């Protein structure tokens, strides 16, 4: 799955008031948009940005979110959004299921990926854990290089 050189939309998802759940938003805040890269901090409402993303006409959409996949906090994976998505436990507070959101972008011709990050603490009012701060810094560099 090669994303380098493709026209990308990066959607950061999460609630920054719930510790590690805000990882997607935190990453989106630090990655710059460019000619071939649209970066949006969707917070808890990625569905509110579907029109903007579709109008951008990306070749690929990457949704960045906290996902419980029973790994070490800060571990992450990048995978196509497909029927295997059920093996992961989404922690997000967004209202539309990820599969439905992905379907909208796929119908518009984009490949859809999930960059899932294993959280440590998603309690309300907590700061982001040290493990996720480190992961965020690495992921910002990775995404910025695409």
Protein backbone atom coordinates (compact mmCIF):
# COMPACT_ATOMS: atom_id res chain seq x y z
CA UNK A 1 0.00 0.00 0.00
CA UNK A 2 1.92 2.92 -1.33
CA UNK A 3 0.60 6.35 -0.36
CA UNK A 4 3.65 8.42 -1.23
CA UNK A 5 2.99 10.63 -4.22
CA UNK A 6 -0.80 10.22 -4.12
CA UNK A 7 -3.26 13.04 -3.65
CA UNK A 8 -4.23 12.54 0.01
CA UNK A 9 -6.86 13.64 2.46
CA UNK A 10 -5.82 13.11 6.09
CA UNK A 11 -8.67 13.19 8.61
CA UNK A 12 -7.74 13.45 12.29
CA UNK A 13 -10.54 12.18 14.52
CA UNK A 14 -10.96 12.27 18.28
CA UNK A 15 -11.91 14.12 21.42
CA UNK A 16 -8.98 16.10 22.84
CA UNK A 17 -10.72 16.29 26.22
CA UNK A 18 -10.47 12.50 26.60
CA UNK A 19 -6.73 11.94 26.86
CA UNK A 20 -5.43 9.61 24.17
CA UNK A 21 -8.71 9.68 22.24
CA UNK A 22 -7.53 13.02 20.84
CA UNK A 23 -4.56 11.51 18.99
CA UNK A 24 -6.08 11.93 15.53
CA UNK A 25 -6.92 15.57 16.12
CA UNK A 26 -3.51 16.25 17.65
CA UNK A 27 -1.75 14.80 14.61
CA UNK A 28 -3.94 16.76 12.18
CA UNK A 29 -3.12 20.00 14.02
CA UNK A 30 0.59 19.48 13.32
CA UNK A 31 0.55 18.26 9.71
CA UNK A 32 0.39 20.92 7.03
CA UNK A 33 -1.92 20.77 4.03
CA UNK A 34 -0.36 21.26 0.62
CA UNK A 35 -1.16 21.10 -3.08
CA UNK A 36 -1.71 17.34 -2.97
CA UNK A 37 -2.54 16.96 0.72
CA UNK A 38 -5.67 18.10 2.52
CA UNK A 39 -5.41 17.79 6.31
CA UNK A 40 -8.49 18.29 8.46
CA UNK A 41 -8.85 18.16 12.23
CA UNK A 42 -12.36 16.65 12.29
CA UNK A 43 -12.44 16.27 16.08
CA UNK A 44 -15.63 14.31 16.82
CA UNK A 45 -17.43 14.99 13.54
CA UNK A 46 -15.65 13.57 10.47
CA UNK A 47 -19.04 13.30 8.76
CA UNK A 48 -19.20 17.12 8.68
CA UNK A 49 -16.26 17.22 6.26
CA UNK A 50 -17.35 14.64 3.66
CA UNK A 51 -18.30 17.24 1.04
CA UNK A 52 -15.00 19.09 1.43
CA UNK A 53 -13.04 15.84 1.09
CA UNK A 54 -15.03 14.63 -1.95
CA UNK A 55 -14.58 18.02 -3.66
CA UNK A 56 -10.79 17.75 -3.09
CA UNK A 57 -10.88 14.50 -5.16
CA UNK A 58 -8.18 12.58 -3.24
CA UNK A 59 -6.77 9.30 -4.49
CA UNK A 60 -6.60 8.11 -0.89
CA UNK A 61 -8.14 9.12 2.43
CA UNK A 62 -6.36 8.31 5.70
CA UNK A 63 -8.50 8.43 8.85
CA UNK A 64 -6.35 8.80 11.98
CA UNK A 65 -8.08 7.62 15.15
CA UNK A 66 -7.56 5.94 18.52
CA UNK A 67 -8.42 2.25 18.15
CA UNK A 68 -8.22 -0.45 20.79
CA UNK A 69 -6.49 -3.35 19.07
CA UNK A 70 -5.06 -4.85 22.26
CA UNK A 71 -1.53 -3.64 21.66
CA UNK A 72 1.00 -1.59 23.61
CA UNK A 73 -0.04 2.07 24.00
CA UNK A 74 1.44 4.07 21.15
CA UNK A 75 1.57 1.15 18.72
CA UNK A 76 -0.17 1.84 15.45
CA UNK A 77 -1.23 0.19 12.22
CA UNK A 78 -2.18 1.40 8.75
CA UNK A 79 -4.71 -0.74 6.91
CA UNK A 80 -7.30 -0.47 4.17
CA UNK A 81 -10.78 0.00 5.59
CA UNK A 82 -12.64 -3.16 4.60
CA UNK A 83 -14.56 -6.04 6.11
CA UNK A 84 -11.66 -6.81 8.49
CA UNK A 85 -12.41 -3.60 10.37
CA UNK A 86 -14.67 -5.48 12.83
CA UNK A 87 -11.61 -6.91 14.60
CA UNK A 88 -10.85 -3.47 16.03
CA UNK A 89 -12.72 -1.69 18.80
CA UNK A 90 -13.26 1.93 17.84
CA UNK A 91 -13.07 4.35 20.75
CA UNK A 92 -14.24 7.36 18.83
CA UNK A 93 -17.08 9.52 19.84
CA UNK A 94 -18.08 10.31 16.27
CA UNK A 95 -21.65 9.57 15.29
CA UNK A 96 -21.27 7.91 11.89
CA UNK A 97 -19.74 4.42 11.67
CA UNK A 98 -16.28 4.37 10.11
CA UNK A 99 -17.43 1.85 7.49
CA UNK A 100 -20.20 4.21 6.31
CA UNK A 101 -17.79 7.14 6.17
CA UNK A 102 -15.31 5.04 4.20
CA UNK A 103 -18.06 4.03 1.78
CA UNK A 104 -18.74 7.69 0.93
CA UNK A 105 -15.09 8.26 0.03
CA UNK A 106 -14.80 4.97 -1.88
CA UNK A 107 -17.83 5.90 -4.00
CA UNK A 108 -15.99 9.11 -4.86
CA UNK A 109 -13.05 7.02 -6.13
CA UNK A 110 -10.65 7.14 -3.16
CA UNK A 111 -8.91 4.27 -1.40
CA UNK A 112 -9.65 4.55 2.33
CA UNK A 113 -7.17 3.70 5.07
CA UNK A 114 -7.32 3.68 8.83
CA UNK A 115 -4.28 4.75 10.82
CA UNK A 116 -5.22 3.32 14.21
CA UNK A 117 -3.26 4.19 17.33
CA UNK A 118 -3.53 2.14 20.52
CA UNK A 119 -4.49 4.46 23.40
CA UNK A 120 -3.52 4.07 27.04
CA UNK A 121 -6.05 6.35 28.74
CA UNK A 122 -9.26 7.80 27.30
CA UNK A 123 -10.67 9.22 30.52
CA UNK A 124 -12.37 12.60 30.36
CA UNK A 125 -10.17 15.49 31.48
CA UNK A 126 -6.88 13.60 31.19
CA UNK A 127 -3.81 14.70 29.25
CA UNK A 128 -2.44 12.62 26.41
CA UNK A 129 -0.18 9.84 27.76
CA UNK A 130 3.58 9.99 27.29
CA UNK A 131 3.40 6.93 25.01
CA UNK A 132 0.96 8.65 22.66
CA UNK A 133 2.87 11.93 22.67
CA UNK A 134 5.90 9.97 21.38
CA UNK A 135 3.77 8.12 18.82
CA UNK A 136 2.23 11.44 17.71
CA UNK A 137 5.62 12.96 17.02
CA UNK A 138 6.65 9.93 14.91
CA UNK A 139 3.36 9.85 13.05
CA UNK A 140 3.46 13.58 12.29
CA UNK A 141 6.86 13.03 10.63
CA UNK A 142 5.58 9.98 8.74
CA UNK A 143 2.44 11.70 7.46
CA UNK A 144 4.31 14.89 6.60
CA UNK A 145 6.66 12.85 4.40
CA UNK A 146 3.82 11.46 2.27
